[in-house]
Amino acid sequence: MAINQVTVTPVKVPLKQPKQFALRTVAEREYTVVEISTDDGHTGWGYTWGPRAVSEIINDLLKDLLIDEDPRRIEYLWEKMYRGTLVWGRRGLLLRAISAVDIALWDLFGKITDQPLYQLLGGYRKQVPAYYSGGYYLPHFSETQEYLDFLEDELDHMLEMGFSDFKMKVGAVSMEVDLKRVELAREMLGGGKLMLDANCAYHPEEALQAAEAFSDFEPEWLEEPLPPDNVQGYSKLTQRSPVPIAVGENHFTRWEFAQFIDYQAADILQGDPIIMGGITEYRKLHGMVSPGIARLAPHNSHNINVHVGAGMPFVEILEFFDLGIDVFNFDLIMLNPIEPRDGFLVPPEAPGHGLELDREALQRYGV
């Protein structure tokens, strides 16, 4: 059995309405889909979130490292890709490319062995708790009441879907307005978990002040209050903050996360398998963590993370993006995206990750 074809499709999916968070506004999302086929007729696919350059990296740097190799040797192929591109990457777009390939290989392995991915990863449980991720800003808002009304409508929708836990953005407006938004969310959630995501909005002292101000509303965590490379700043903040600190959506490989563990620079690690190096690398992160060291709450792609969370015991909770809030919209190019069930996500029982591409949509949004 050998890999005989690697096909890459960059896609760009526009949002219905631009969304704003702390440091930028987005009007579209770009993804890369990679499909890997073998000479005996099996095909697996994976994806990552990132610009068209990711596709070019796979075509120019990774594809030749995969052709004629046994797809079941996933650890070997990860090392071959990482070491074979060491001088060009080690982080950033190249790790996103490796992530997409790695997820495709795991999907392929599940199909070859006729097992669902979560079983291959350990089969720890059949469903995983999840929180509803939203609470964005609309860029044309200017009045406090507009922000509050928009958030209230979203929270009503979230509760109707059966979720009790919610993550919202902070940092794009004044602290006065954000405190009113957070207060509203806490009132509507009751005892449900409330997470706050600052998307790197604050300087160190501002971050501490924000954590102290938000602490009255008992948030589960304050996510990415500082720029991702300020490990020492995170270490100082984590030791002083009355609110747990979460990081990881912009970090790559086990080595970056090891720094946060060594410096006690975060309470929650949010490594993202479709970004940080794939499922293979996420397993390394999981192996570094045990209760008392850090908590795991993977970022972003619930379609893949449902297998990670169902397979591995230390994953506490998953992030779910409802297609209706129009933020992460990869579900538009799938036939069977993961659907929540009363605040839980359930992995498919089909071989591999069990997800099916919508070929018509893939062609429509293809770049």
Protein backbone atom coordinates (compact mmCIF):
# COMPACT_ATOMS: atom_id res chain seq x y z
CA MET A 1 0.00 0.00 0.00
CA ALA A 2 1.40 3.37 -1.02
CA ILE A 3 0.31 6.98 -1.46
CA ASN A 4 -0.08 7.73 -5.15
CA GLN A 5 -1.92 11.06 -5.19
CA VAL A 6 -2.13 14.25 -3.11
CA THR A 7 -4.76 16.78 -4.20
CA VAL A 8 -4.98 20.26 -2.70
CA THR A 9 -7.90 22.69 -2.95
CA PRO A 10 -7.75 26.22 -1.51
CA VAL A 11 -11.17 27.70 -0.73
CA LYS A 12 -12.43 31.12 0.28
CA VAL A 13 -15.85 31.34 1.94
CA PRO A 14 -17.31 34.84 2.48
CA LEU A 15 -19.20 35.77 5.63
CA LYS A 16 -22.72 37.05 5.18
CA GLN A 17 -21.81 40.04 7.33
CA PRO A 18 -18.33 41.18 8.51
CA LYS A 19 -17.55 40.41 12.16
CA GLN A 20 -15.29 42.40 14.48
CA PHE A 21 -13.17 41.35 17.41
CA ALA A 22 -10.37 42.99 19.38
CA LEU A 23 -7.75 43.79 16.73
CA ARG A 24 -9.38 43.18 13.35
CA THR A 25 -12.50 42.69 11.29
CA VAL A 26 -13.07 39.65 9.05
CA ALA A 27 -15.28 39.40 5.98
CA GLU A 28 -14.25 35.95 4.68
CA ARG A 29 -12.54 32.75 5.78
CA GLU A 30 -9.88 30.85 3.85
CA TYR A 31 -9.22 27.13 4.17
CA THR A 32 -7.10 24.47 2.52
CA VAL A 33 -8.48 20.99 1.84
CA VAL A 34 -6.04 18.15 1.12
CA GLU A 35 -7.01 14.69 -0.14
CA ILE A 36 -4.61 11.75 -0.04
CA SER A 37 -5.21 8.58 -2.08
CA THR A 38 -3.51 5.19 -2.17
CA ASP A 39 -2.82 2.73 -4.95
CA ASP A 40 -5.40 0.31 -3.52
CA GLY A 41 -8.28 2.80 -3.72
CA HIS A 42 -8.50 4.42 -0.26
CA THR A 43 -8.80 8.20 0.18
CA GLY A 44 -8.62 10.38 3.27
CA TRP A 45 -8.97 14.13 3.61
CA GLY A 46 -8.08 16.88 6.04
CA TYR A 47 -8.12 20.63 6.23
CA THR A 48 -6.70 23.69 7.91
CA TRP A 49 -7.68 27.31 8.30
CA GLY A 50 -5.26 29.55 6.42
CA PRO A 51 -4.58 31.46 3.19
CA ARG A 52 -3.87 30.07 -0.25
CA ALA A 53 -0.14 30.00 0.53
CA VAL A 54 -0.81 26.88 2.64
CA SER A 55 -1.89 25.04 -0.51
CA GLU A 56 1.27 26.12 -2.29
CA ILE A 57 3.38 24.83 0.61
CA ILE A 58 1.74 21.40 0.35
CA ASN A 59 2.21 21.28 -3.41
CA ASP A 60 5.76 22.64 -3.42
CA LEU A 61 7.28 21.19 -0.25
CA LEU A 62 5.23 18.32 1.19
CA LYS A 63 3.71 16.38 -1.68
CA ASP A 64 6.98 14.86 -2.89
CA LEU A 65 7.74 13.71 0.66
CA LEU A 66 4.50 11.68 0.69
CA ILE A 67 4.27 10.03 -2.71
CA ASP A 68 5.10 6.27 -2.67
CA GLU A 69 5.13 6.16 1.15
CA ASP A 70 3.00 3.82 3.28
CA PRO A 71 0.16 6.05 4.64
CA ARG A 72 -0.10 3.98 7.83
CA ARG A 73 3.31 5.24 9.00
CA ILE A 74 1.84 8.47 10.33
CA GLU A 75 4.49 9.25 12.95
CA TYR A 76 7.23 8.61 10.40
CA LEU A 77 5.55 10.85 7.82
CA TRP A 78 5.07 13.65 10.36
CA GLU A 79 8.79 13.57 11.18
CA LYS A 80 9.67 13.38 7.49
CA MET A 81 7.58 16.47 6.71
CA TYR A 82 8.78 18.43 9.73
CA ARG A 83 12.47 17.62 9.36
CA GLY A 84 12.34 17.87 5.58
CA THR A 85 11.18 21.48 5.81
CA LEU A 86 13.05 22.49 8.97
CA VAL A 87 14.93 25.38 7.39
CA TRP A 88 11.75 26.86 5.88
CA GLY A 89 9.25 26.56 8.67
CA ARG A 90 8.92 24.95 12.11
CA ARG A 91 5.91 27.20 12.84
CA GLY A 92 3.24 29.29 11.10
CA LEU A 93 1.89 28.44 7.66
CA LEU A 94 4.11 25.39 7.26
CA LEU A 95 2.67 23.78 10.40
CA ARG A 96 -0.82 24.54 9.14
CA ALA A 97 0.09 22.66 5.98
CA ILE A 98 1.46 19.71 7.95
CA SER A 99 -1.71 19.75 10.07
CA ALA A 100 -3.99 19.38 7.05
CA VAL A 101 -1.90 16.51 5.68
CA ASP A 102 -1.72 14.79 9.08
CA ILE A 103 -5.50 14.91 9.55
CA ALA A 104 -5.95 13.45 6.07
CA LEU A 105 -3.56 10.61 7.00
CA TRP A 106 -5.50 9.85 10.19
CA ASP A 107 -8.76 9.84 8.23
CA LEU A 108 -7.14 7.50 5.72
CA PHE A 109 -5.85 5.22 8.48
CA GLY A 110 -9.34 4.98 9.97
CA LYS A 111 -10.77 3.99 6.60
CA ILE A 112 -8.03 1.43 6.00
CA THR A 113 -8.64 -0.17 9.42
CA ASP A 114 -12.43 0.41 9.36
CA GLN A 115 -12.42 2.29 12.67
CA PRO A 116 -13.69 5.73 13.69
CA LEU A 117 -10.94 8.19 14.51
CA TYR A 118 -11.92 8.67 18.15
CA GLN A 119 -11.50 4.92 18.72
CA LEU A 120 -8.03 5.03 17.18
CA LEU A 121 -7.19 7.85 19.61
CA GLY A 122 -8.23 5.86 22.67
CA GLY A 123 -12.03 5.66 22.66
CA TYR A 124 -12.35 7.35 26.05
CA ARG A 125 -16.01 8.44 25.77
CA LYS A 126 -18.96 8.72 23.41
CA GLN A 127 -19.77 12.42 23.84
CA VAL A 128 -17.86 15.55 24.87
CA PRO A 129 -19.14 18.70 26.61
CA ALA A 130 -19.01 21.83 24.45
CA TYR A 131 -19.55 25.54 24.76
CA TYR A 132 -21.15 27.89 22.26
CA SER A 133 -18.53 30.25 20.86
CA GLY A 134 -19.73 33.69 19.78
CA GLY A 135 -20.19 37.10 21.32
CA TYR A 136 -18.63 39.00 18.42
CA TYR A 137 -19.12 42.67 17.57
CA LEU A 138 -20.62 44.09 14.41
CA PRO A 139 -18.31 46.80 13.03
CA HIS A 140 -21.07 49.33 12.36
CA PHE A 141 -22.25 49.39 15.98
CA SER A 142 -21.53 52.52 18.02
CA GLU A 143 -24.18 52.63 20.75
CA THR A 144 -23.96 50.52 23.91
CA GLN A 145 -27.53 49.30 23.52
CA GLU A 146 -26.76 47.95 20.04
CA TYR A 147 -24.04 45.74 21.47
CA LEU A 148 -26.30 44.56 24.29
CA ASP A 149 -29.29 43.80 22.05
CA PHE A 150 -27.11 41.85 19.61
CA LEU A 151 -25.59 39.82 22.43
CA GLU A 152 -28.96 39.15 24.05
CA ASP A 153 -30.38 37.77 20.79
CA GLU A 154 -27.39 35.48 20.40
CA LEU A 155 -27.63 34.20 23.97
CA ASP A 156 -31.34 33.47 23.49
CA HIS A 157 -30.46 31.43 20.40
CA MET A 158 -27.68 29.60 22.23
CA LEU A 159 -29.94 28.63 25.13
CA GLU A 160 -32.62 27.43 22.71
CA MET A 161 -30.02 25.12 21.12
CA GLY A 162 -29.44 23.46 24.50
CA PHE A 163 -26.10 25.00 25.44
CA SER A 164 -25.43 26.25 28.95
CA ASP A 165 -21.83 27.48 28.44
CA PHE A 166 -20.80 30.46 26.31
CA LYS A 167 -17.66 32.23 25.12
CA MET A 168 -17.72 35.88 24.08
CA LYS A 169 -15.30 38.46 22.75
CA VAL A 170 -13.90 41.34 24.78
CA GLY A 171 -11.33 44.04 24.06
CA ALA A 172 -12.73 45.75 20.96
CA VAL A 173 -14.70 48.44 22.81
CA SER A 174 -14.26 50.36 26.04
CA MET A 175 -14.04 48.46 29.30
CA GLU A 176 -17.24 50.18 30.40
CA VAL A 177 -19.18 48.70 27.46
CA ASP A 178 -17.52 45.29 27.77
CA LEU A 179 -18.40 45.09 31.46
CA LYS A 180 -22.05 45.70 30.62
CA ARG A 181 -21.88 42.99 27.94
CA VAL A 182 -20.25 40.51 30.33
CA GLU A 183 -22.77 41.36 33.06
CA LEU A 184 -25.63 40.65 30.64
CA ALA A 185 -24.10 37.32 29.64
CA ARG A 186 -23.68 36.26 33.26
CA GLU A 187 -27.29 37.17 34.06
CA MET A 188 -28.63 35.16 31.12
CA LEU A 189 -26.35 32.15 31.70
CA GLY A 190 -27.09 31.84 35.37
CA GLY A 191 -24.66 29.22 36.63
CA GLY A 192 -23.40 28.25 33.17
CA LYS A 193 -19.74 28.64 32.30
CA LEU A 194 -18.74 32.00 30.82
CA MET A 195 -15.47 32.32 28.88
CA LEU A 196 -13.92 35.62 27.73
CA ASP A 197 -11.69 35.93 24.66
CA ALA A 198 -9.57 39.07 24.25
CA ASN A 199 -7.70 38.06 21.06
CA CYS A 200 -4.42 39.63 22.24
CA ALA A 201 -6.00 43.02 22.92
CA TYR A 202 -4.22 44.11 26.11
CA HIS A 203 -0.84 45.19 27.39
CA PRO A 204 0.29 43.31 30.55
CA GLU A 205 -1.02 45.82 33.10
CA GLU A 206 -4.23 46.30 31.14
CA ALA A 207 -4.69 42.52 31.09
CA LEU A 208 -4.42 42.31 34.87
CA GLN A 209 -6.84 45.21 35.29
CA ALA A 210 -9.26 43.54 32.88
CA ALA A 211 -9.02 40.22 34.72
CA GLU A 212 -9.70 41.96 38.03
CA ALA A 213 -12.67 43.84 36.57
CA PHE A 214 -14.17 40.73 34.95
CA SER A 215 -13.60 38.52 38.00
CA ASP A 216 -16.85 39.70 39.61
CA PHE A 217 -18.70 37.73 36.90
CA GLU A 218 -16.78 34.50 37.61
CA PRO A 219 -15.50 33.72 34.11
CA GLU A 220 -14.08 30.25 33.51
CA TRP A 221 -11.09 31.83 31.79
CA LEU A 222 -9.70 34.93 30.08
CA GLU A 223 -8.34 33.86 26.71
CA GLU A 224 -5.34 35.38 24.92
CA PRO A 225 -5.21 38.68 26.80
CA LEU A 226 -1.60 39.26 25.59
CA PRO A 227 0.26 38.77 22.29
CA PRO A 228 1.12 35.07 21.84
CA ASP A 229 4.93 35.38 22.05
CA ASN A 230 5.04 37.12 25.45
CA VAL A 231 5.62 33.97 27.51
CA GLN A 232 7.17 35.84 30.44
CA GLY A 233 4.29 38.30 30.46
CA TYR A 234 1.84 35.40 30.53
CA SER A 235 3.76 33.80 33.37
CA LYS A 236 3.54 36.96 35.51
CA LEU A 237 -0.11 37.48 34.61
CA THR A 238 -1.09 33.88 35.36
CA GLN A 239 0.44 34.09 38.83
CA ARG A 240 -1.44 37.33 39.64
CA SER A 241 -4.74 37.03 37.79
CA PRO A 242 -7.92 36.23 39.75
CA VAL A 243 -9.25 34.64 36.55
CA PRO A 244 -7.64 31.55 34.92
CA ILE A 245 -5.63 32.39 31.78
CA ALA A 246 -6.00 30.46 28.50
CA VAL A 247 -3.65 30.43 25.50
CA GLY A 248 -2.82 28.27 22.52
CA GLU A 249 -4.81 29.01 19.39
CA ASN A 250 -1.81 30.78 17.87
CA HIS A 251 0.84 28.33 19.05
CA PHE A 252 2.48 25.49 17.16
CA THR A 253 4.06 22.16 18.11
CA ARG A 254 4.69 20.59 21.49
CA TRP A 255 7.76 22.79 21.95
CA GLU A 256 5.85 26.06 22.14
CA PHE A 257 3.41 24.58 24.63
CA ALA A 258 6.29 23.19 26.68
CA GLN A 259 7.44 26.77 27.29
CA PHE A 260 4.05 27.70 28.76
CA ILE A 261 4.10 24.61 30.96
CA ASP A 262 7.69 25.20 32.12
CA TYR A 263 7.04 28.88 32.94
CA GLN A 264 3.60 28.19 34.45
CA ALA A 265 2.35 30.75 31.97
CA ALA A 266 -1.21 29.52 31.45
CA ASP A 267 -3.93 27.57 33.22
CA ILE A 268 -5.71 26.30 30.09
CA LEU A 269 -3.96 25.21 26.86
CA GLN A 270 -6.02 25.58 23.70
CA GLY A 271 -3.89 23.82 21.11
CA ASP A 272 -5.70 23.54 17.77
CA PRO A 273 -5.13 20.26 15.89
CA ILE A 274 -5.86 21.80 12.48
CA ILE A 275 -3.15 24.42 13.11
CA MET A 276 -0.51 23.26 15.62
CA GLY A 277 0.69 20.19 13.72
CA GLY A 278 -2.28 17.89 13.34
CA ILE A 279 -3.63 15.10 15.48
CA THR A 280 -0.17 13.54 15.73
CA GLU A 281 1.19 16.64 17.43
CA TYR A 282 -1.89 17.13 19.60
CA ARG A 283 -1.28 13.67 21.03
CA LYS A 284 2.16 14.90 22.11
CA LEU A 285 0.59 17.87 23.89
CA HIS A 286 -1.92 15.60 25.60
CA GLY A 287 0.95 13.42 26.77
CA MET A 288 2.63 16.42 28.42
CA VAL A 289 -0.43 17.35 30.45
CA SER A 290 -2.04 15.79 33.49
CA PRO A 291 -4.43 17.21 36.09
CA GLY A 292 -2.58 19.84 38.10
CA ILE A 293 -0.24 20.82 35.24
CA ALA A 294 -2.71 22.46 32.86
CA ARG A 295 -6.19 21.97 31.45
CA LEU A 296 -6.92 21.19 27.80
CA ALA A 297 -9.68 22.89 25.81
CA PRO A 298 -8.90 22.67 22.06
CA HIS A 299 -9.55 25.71 19.91
CA ASN A 300 -11.83 25.98 16.92
CA SER A 301 -12.69 23.05 14.67
CA HIS A 302 -15.36 21.03 16.44
CA ASN A 303 -15.60 18.70 13.43
CA ILE A 304 -12.12 17.32 14.13
CA ASN A 305 -11.88 18.12 17.84
CA VAL A 306 -14.88 15.94 18.65
CA HIS A 307 -12.64 12.94 17.92
CA VAL A 308 -9.77 14.37 19.95
CA GLY A 309 -12.07 15.01 22.90
CA ALA A 310 -13.83 11.67 22.67
CA GLY A 311 -10.57 9.79 22.31
CA MET A 312 -8.48 11.43 25.05
CA PRO A 313 -9.29 11.83 28.77
CA PHE A 314 -7.68 15.20 29.59
CA VAL A 315 -9.73 17.26 27.11
CA GLU A 316 -12.25 19.12 29.29
CA ILE A 317 -14.49 20.93 26.82
CA LEU A 318 -14.77 21.73 23.12
CA GLU A 319 -15.53 24.92 21.22
CA PHE A 320 -18.58 24.89 18.95
CA PHE A 321 -19.20 27.43 16.19
CA ASP A 322 -22.81 27.56 15.08
CA LEU A 323 -22.98 28.21 11.35
CA GLY A 324 -25.81 30.65 12.03
CA ILE A 325 -23.51 33.15 13.76
CA ASP A 326 -21.52 33.36 10.51
CA VAL A 327 -17.94 33.34 11.85
CA PHE A 328 -16.21 30.04 11.09
CA ASN A 329 -18.04 28.65 8.11
CA PHE A 330 -16.21 25.49 7.00
CA ASP A 331 -19.46 23.60 7.59
CA LEU A 332 -20.71 25.11 4.32
CA ILE A 333 -18.46 22.77 2.34
CA MET A 334 -19.45 19.61 4.21
CA LEU A 335 -22.47 17.36 3.80
CA ASN A 336 -22.58 16.19 7.42
CA PRO A 337 -21.04 18.69 9.84
CA ILE A 338 -21.13 17.82 13.53
CA GLU A 339 -24.39 18.87 15.20
CA PRO A 340 -24.66 19.56 18.95
CA ARG A 341 -26.92 17.57 21.26
CA ASP A 342 -27.93 19.45 24.41
CA GLY A 343 -24.49 20.99 24.90
CA PHE A 344 -22.53 17.89 23.89
CA LEU A 345 -20.79 16.82 20.68
CA VAL A 346 -20.90 13.19 19.52
CA PRO A 347 -18.24 11.76 17.15
CA PRO A 348 -19.36 9.94 14.00
CA GLU A 349 -19.07 6.15 14.05
CA ALA A 350 -18.07 5.96 10.38
CA PRO A 351 -14.45 5.00 9.60
CA GLY A 352 -11.93 7.84 9.85
CA HIS A 353 -13.29 11.19 10.93
CA GLY A 354 -16.57 10.35 9.22
CA LEU A 355 -16.98 13.76 7.56
CA GLU A 356 -18.05 14.10 3.92
CA LEU A 357 -17.12 16.93 1.58
CA ASP A 358 -19.80 18.72 -0.41
CA ARG A 359 -18.14 18.55 -3.84
CA GLU A 360 -20.41 21.17 -5.36
CA ALA A 361 -19.65 23.64 -2.56
CA LEU A 362 -15.93 22.83 -2.72
CA GLN A 363 -15.94 23.73 -6.38
CA ARG A 364 -18.06 26.84 -5.82
CA TYR A 365 -15.78 28.27 -3.14
CA GLY A 366 -12.55 26.98 -4.63
CA VAL A 367 -9.91 29.61 -5.39
